[in-house]
Amino acid sequence: MKAKVETMEKMNVYANELVKMIVKDGQSLQEEKLRIAFENVVRAMVDMTNIQLEREKDTNDTLKTTLSRMKIAHNCINQNASSRKQP
């Protein structure tokens, strides 16, 4: 149970950071990076709703996958923001 809570906390951090980055840098996001990030966030949402609707048999593996998707989305937006800051 503790691992589940820790995974959920990490996903929450990624989601909050994504919101901040998108709001701050929304005008200059690369379309491809934004598409990849959006796809991963949506897939994470599907996973989370499947867990809540009890459609998943192995919620721990699904949570790990979901966390990976959030990390990919976060990295896409974060890389985009970092690449614009370098001369």
N, C-alpha and C. Protein backbone atom coordinates (compact mmCIF):
# COMPACT_ATOMS: atom_id res chain seq x y z
N MET A 1 0.83 -1.21 0.00
CA MET A 1 0.00 0.00 0.00
C MET A 1 0.87 1.25 0.00
N LYS A 2 1.99 1.19 0.71
CA LYS A 2 2.88 2.35 0.78
C LYS A 2 3.45 2.68 -0.60
N ALA A 3 3.81 1.63 -1.37
CA ALA A 3 4.36 1.85 -2.71
C ALA A 3 3.33 2.52 -3.61
N LYS A 4 2.07 2.14 -3.46
CA LYS A 4 1.00 2.74 -4.25
C LYS A 4 0.88 4.23 -3.95
N VAL A 5 0.92 4.58 -2.68
CA VAL A 5 0.82 5.99 -2.28
C VAL A 5 2.02 6.77 -2.80
N GLU A 6 3.21 6.20 -2.70
CA GLU A 6 4.41 6.88 -3.19
C GLU A 6 4.34 7.11 -4.70
N THR A 7 3.85 6.11 -5.43
CA THR A 7 3.70 6.25 -6.89
C THR A 7 2.70 7.33 -7.22
N MET A 8 1.59 7.36 -6.51
CA MET A 8 0.57 8.39 -6.73
C MET A 8 1.12 9.77 -6.42
N GLU A 9 1.92 9.89 -5.36
CA GLU A 9 2.54 11.17 -5.01
C GLU A 9 3.49 11.65 -6.12
N LYS A 10 4.28 10.74 -6.66
CA LYS A 10 5.20 11.09 -7.75
C LYS A 10 4.43 11.56 -8.99
N MET A 11 3.34 10.83 -9.31
CA MET A 11 2.53 11.24 -10.47
C MET A 11 1.94 12.62 -10.24
N ASN A 12 1.53 12.90 -9.02
CA ASN A 12 0.97 14.20 -8.70
C ASN A 12 2.01 15.30 -8.88
N VAL A 13 3.23 15.03 -8.46
CA VAL A 13 4.31 16.01 -8.64
C VAL A 13 4.55 16.27 -10.13
N TYR A 14 4.64 15.20 -10.92
CA TYR A 14 4.84 15.37 -12.37
C TYR A 14 3.70 16.17 -12.98
N ALA A 15 2.48 15.85 -12.60
CA ALA A 15 1.32 16.55 -13.16
C ALA A 15 1.35 18.03 -12.81
N ASN A 16 1.65 18.34 -11.56
CA ASN A 16 1.70 19.75 -11.14
C ASN A 16 2.82 20.50 -11.85
N GLU A 17 3.97 19.86 -12.02
CA GLU A 17 5.08 20.50 -12.72
C GLU A 17 4.74 20.70 -14.20
N LEU A 18 4.04 19.74 -14.80
CA LEU A 18 3.61 19.88 -16.19
C LEU A 18 2.71 21.09 -16.36
N VAL A 19 1.77 21.23 -15.45
CA VAL A 19 0.86 22.38 -15.51
C VAL A 19 1.65 23.68 -15.45
N LYS A 20 2.57 23.77 -14.51
CA LYS A 20 3.37 24.99 -14.38
C LYS A 20 4.18 25.28 -15.64
N MET A 21 4.82 24.25 -16.20
CA MET A 21 5.64 24.45 -17.39
C MET A 21 4.79 24.86 -18.59
N ILE A 22 3.64 24.23 -18.74
CA ILE A 22 2.79 24.54 -19.89
C ILE A 22 2.23 25.95 -19.77
N VAL A 23 1.81 26.34 -18.59
CA VAL A 23 1.29 27.69 -18.39
C VAL A 23 2.40 28.72 -18.64
N LYS A 24 3.58 28.45 -18.12
CA LYS A 24 4.69 29.38 -18.25
C LYS A 24 5.21 29.47 -19.69
N ASP A 25 5.35 28.33 -20.35
CA ASP A 25 6.01 28.27 -21.66
C ASP A 25 5.07 27.87 -22.79
N GLY A 26 3.79 27.97 -22.58
CA GLY A 26 2.81 27.49 -23.55
C GLY A 26 2.96 28.01 -24.96
N GLN A 27 3.35 29.25 -25.12
CA GLN A 27 3.45 29.84 -26.44
C GLN A 27 4.61 29.29 -27.25
N SER A 28 5.62 28.76 -26.58
CA SER A 28 6.82 28.36 -27.29
C SER A 28 7.05 26.85 -27.30
N LEU A 29 6.05 26.08 -26.95
CA LEU A 29 6.21 24.63 -26.95
C LEU A 29 6.25 24.10 -28.38
N GLN A 30 7.16 23.16 -28.61
CA GLN A 30 7.22 22.52 -29.92
C GLN A 30 6.02 21.59 -30.07
N GLU A 31 5.40 21.63 -31.23
CA GLU A 31 4.19 20.86 -31.45
C GLU A 31 4.40 19.36 -31.24
N GLU A 32 5.49 18.82 -31.73
CA GLU A 32 5.74 17.38 -31.60
C GLU A 32 5.95 16.99 -30.14
N LYS A 33 6.71 17.77 -29.40
CA LYS A 33 6.92 17.48 -27.97
C LYS A 33 5.60 17.57 -27.21
N LEU A 34 4.79 18.55 -27.55
CA LEU A 34 3.50 18.71 -26.89
C LEU A 34 2.59 17.53 -27.21
N ARG A 35 2.62 17.06 -28.45
CA ARG A 35 1.79 15.91 -28.85
C ARG A 35 2.19 14.66 -28.06
N ILE A 36 3.49 14.41 -27.95
CA ILE A 36 3.97 13.24 -27.23
C ILE A 36 3.59 13.34 -25.75
N ALA A 37 3.78 14.51 -25.17
CA ALA A 37 3.43 14.72 -23.77
C ALA A 37 1.94 14.50 -23.55
N PHE A 38 1.13 15.09 -24.42
CA PHE A 38 -0.33 14.97 -24.29
C PHE A 38 -0.77 13.52 -24.41
N GLU A 39 -0.22 12.80 -25.38
CA GLU A 39 -0.57 11.40 -25.55
C GLU A 39 -0.26 10.59 -24.29
N ASN A 40 0.89 10.83 -23.69
CA ASN A 40 1.26 10.10 -22.50
C ASN A 40 0.39 10.45 -21.30
N VAL A 41 0.03 11.71 -21.17
CA VAL A 41 -0.86 12.11 -20.07
C VAL A 41 -2.24 11.47 -20.25
N VAL A 42 -2.73 11.44 -21.48
CA VAL A 42 -4.04 10.84 -21.73
C VAL A 42 -4.00 9.34 -21.46
N ARG A 43 -2.93 8.68 -21.88
CA ARG A 43 -2.80 7.25 -21.59
C ARG A 43 -2.73 7.00 -20.08
N ALA A 44 -2.05 7.88 -19.37
CA ALA A 44 -1.99 7.76 -17.91
C ALA A 44 -3.39 7.92 -17.31
N MET A 45 -4.17 8.83 -17.87
CA MET A 45 -5.54 9.03 -17.39
C MET A 45 -6.39 7.76 -17.64
N VAL A 46 -6.21 7.15 -18.77
CA VAL A 46 -6.93 5.90 -19.06
C VAL A 46 -6.54 4.84 -18.04
N ASP A 47 -5.25 4.71 -17.78
CA ASP A 47 -4.79 3.75 -16.77
C ASP A 47 -5.42 4.01 -15.41
N MET A 48 -5.39 5.27 -15.00
CA MET A 48 -5.92 5.61 -13.68
C MET A 48 -7.42 5.35 -13.58
N THR A 49 -8.16 5.67 -14.63
CA THR A 49 -9.60 5.41 -14.58
C THR A 49 -9.87 3.90 -14.60
N ASN A 50 -9.06 3.15 -15.33
CA ASN A 50 -9.22 1.69 -15.32
C ASN A 50 -8.96 1.12 -13.93
N ILE A 51 -7.98 1.67 -13.24
CA ILE A 51 -7.72 1.22 -11.87
C ILE A 51 -8.91 1.55 -10.98
N GLN A 52 -9.42 2.78 -11.07
CA GLN A 52 -10.54 3.18 -10.23
C GLN A 52 -11.81 2.39 -10.54
N LEU A 53 -11.98 2.01 -11.81
CA LEU A 53 -13.15 1.23 -12.21
C LEU A 53 -12.93 -0.28 -12.02
N GLU A 54 -11.79 -0.62 -11.43
CA GLU A 54 -11.42 -2.01 -11.13
C GLU A 54 -11.39 -2.88 -12.37
N ARG A 55 -10.89 -2.34 -13.47
CA ARG A 55 -10.72 -3.09 -14.71
C ARG A 55 -9.32 -3.67 -14.85
N GLU A 56 -8.45 -3.29 -13.95
CA GLU A 56 -7.07 -3.77 -13.98
C GLU A 56 -6.88 -4.86 -12.94
N LYS A 57 -6.22 -5.95 -13.36
CA LYS A 57 -5.97 -7.04 -12.43
C LYS A 57 -4.72 -6.78 -11.60
N ASP A 58 -3.70 -6.20 -12.22
CA ASP A 58 -2.44 -5.95 -11.52
C ASP A 58 -2.23 -4.44 -11.42
N THR A 59 -2.79 -3.85 -10.40
CA THR A 59 -2.73 -2.39 -10.29
C THR A 59 -1.32 -1.88 -10.06
N ASN A 60 -0.46 -2.67 -9.40
CA ASN A 60 0.91 -2.21 -9.15
C ASN A 60 1.68 -2.04 -10.46
N ASP A 61 1.57 -3.00 -11.36
CA ASP A 61 2.24 -2.87 -12.66
C ASP A 61 1.65 -1.72 -13.47
N THR A 62 0.33 -1.57 -13.41
CA THR A 62 -0.32 -0.47 -14.13
C THR A 62 0.14 0.87 -13.57
N LEU A 63 0.27 0.97 -12.26
CA LEU A 63 0.75 2.22 -11.65
C LEU A 63 2.18 2.53 -12.08
N LYS A 64 3.02 1.52 -12.16
CA LYS A 64 4.40 1.73 -12.61
C LYS A 64 4.41 2.24 -14.05
N THR A 65 3.58 1.65 -14.89
CA THR A 65 3.48 2.09 -16.28
C THR A 65 2.96 3.52 -16.36
N THR A 66 1.96 3.81 -15.55
CA THR A 66 1.38 5.14 -15.53
C THR A 66 2.40 6.18 -15.08
N LEU A 67 3.17 5.85 -14.06
CA LEU A 67 4.22 6.76 -13.61
C LEU A 67 5.25 6.99 -14.71
N SER A 68 5.60 5.96 -15.44
CA SER A 68 6.54 6.11 -16.56
C SER A 68 5.98 7.04 -17.62
N ARG A 69 4.70 6.93 -17.90
CA ARG A 69 4.07 7.81 -18.89
C ARG A 69 4.10 9.26 -18.43
N MET A 70 3.86 9.48 -17.16
CA MET A 70 3.91 10.84 -16.64
C MET A 70 5.33 11.39 -16.70
N LYS A 71 6.30 10.55 -16.43
CA LYS A 71 7.70 10.98 -16.49
C LYS A 71 8.09 11.32 -17.92
N ILE A 72 7.65 10.53 -18.89
CA ILE A 72 7.91 10.82 -20.30
C ILE A 72 7.30 12.16 -20.68
N ALA A 73 6.06 12.39 -20.29
CA ALA A 73 5.39 13.66 -20.59
C ALA A 73 6.14 14.82 -19.96
N HIS A 74 6.53 14.66 -18.72
CA HIS A 74 7.28 15.69 -18.01
C HIS A 74 8.59 15.98 -18.72
N ASN A 75 9.31 14.94 -19.11
CA ASN A 75 10.59 15.12 -19.78
C ASN A 75 10.44 15.81 -21.13
N CYS A 76 9.38 15.49 -21.86
CA CYS A 76 9.14 16.15 -23.16
C CYS A 76 9.01 17.65 -22.99
N ILE A 77 8.21 18.07 -22.06
CA ILE A 77 7.98 19.50 -21.85
C ILE A 77 9.21 20.14 -21.23
N ASN A 78 9.85 19.45 -20.30
CA ASN A 78 11.03 19.99 -19.65
C ASN A 78 12.19 20.14 -20.63
N GLN A 79 12.40 19.18 -21.52
CA GLN A 79 13.45 19.28 -22.54
C GLN A 79 13.18 20.44 -23.48
N ASN A 80 11.92 20.63 -23.82
CA ASN A 80 11.54 21.74 -24.69
C ASN A 80 11.90 23.06 -24.02
N ALA A 81 11.59 23.20 -22.74
CA ALA A 81 11.88 24.43 -22.01
C ALA A 81 13.39 24.62 -21.88
N SER A 82 14.12 23.55 -21.64
CA SER A 82 15.58 23.65 -21.49
C SER A 82 16.26 24.02 -22.80
N SER A 83 15.77 23.47 -23.90
CA SER A 83 16.42 23.74 -25.19
C SER A 83 16.24 25.19 -25.63
N ARG A 84 15.18 25.82 -25.20
CA ARG A 84 14.95 27.23 -25.56
C ARG A 84 15.85 28.16 -24.76
N LYS A 85 16.25 27.74 -23.56
CA LYS A 85 17.07 28.60 -22.71
C LYS A 85 18.52 28.62 -23.12
N GLN A 86 18.97 27.56 -23.86
CA GLN A 86 20.37 27.51 -24.27
C GLN A 86 20.57 28.35 -25.52
N PRO A 87 21.68 29.12 -25.59
CA PRO A 87 21.92 29.96 -26.77
C PRO A 87 22.29 29.17 -27.98
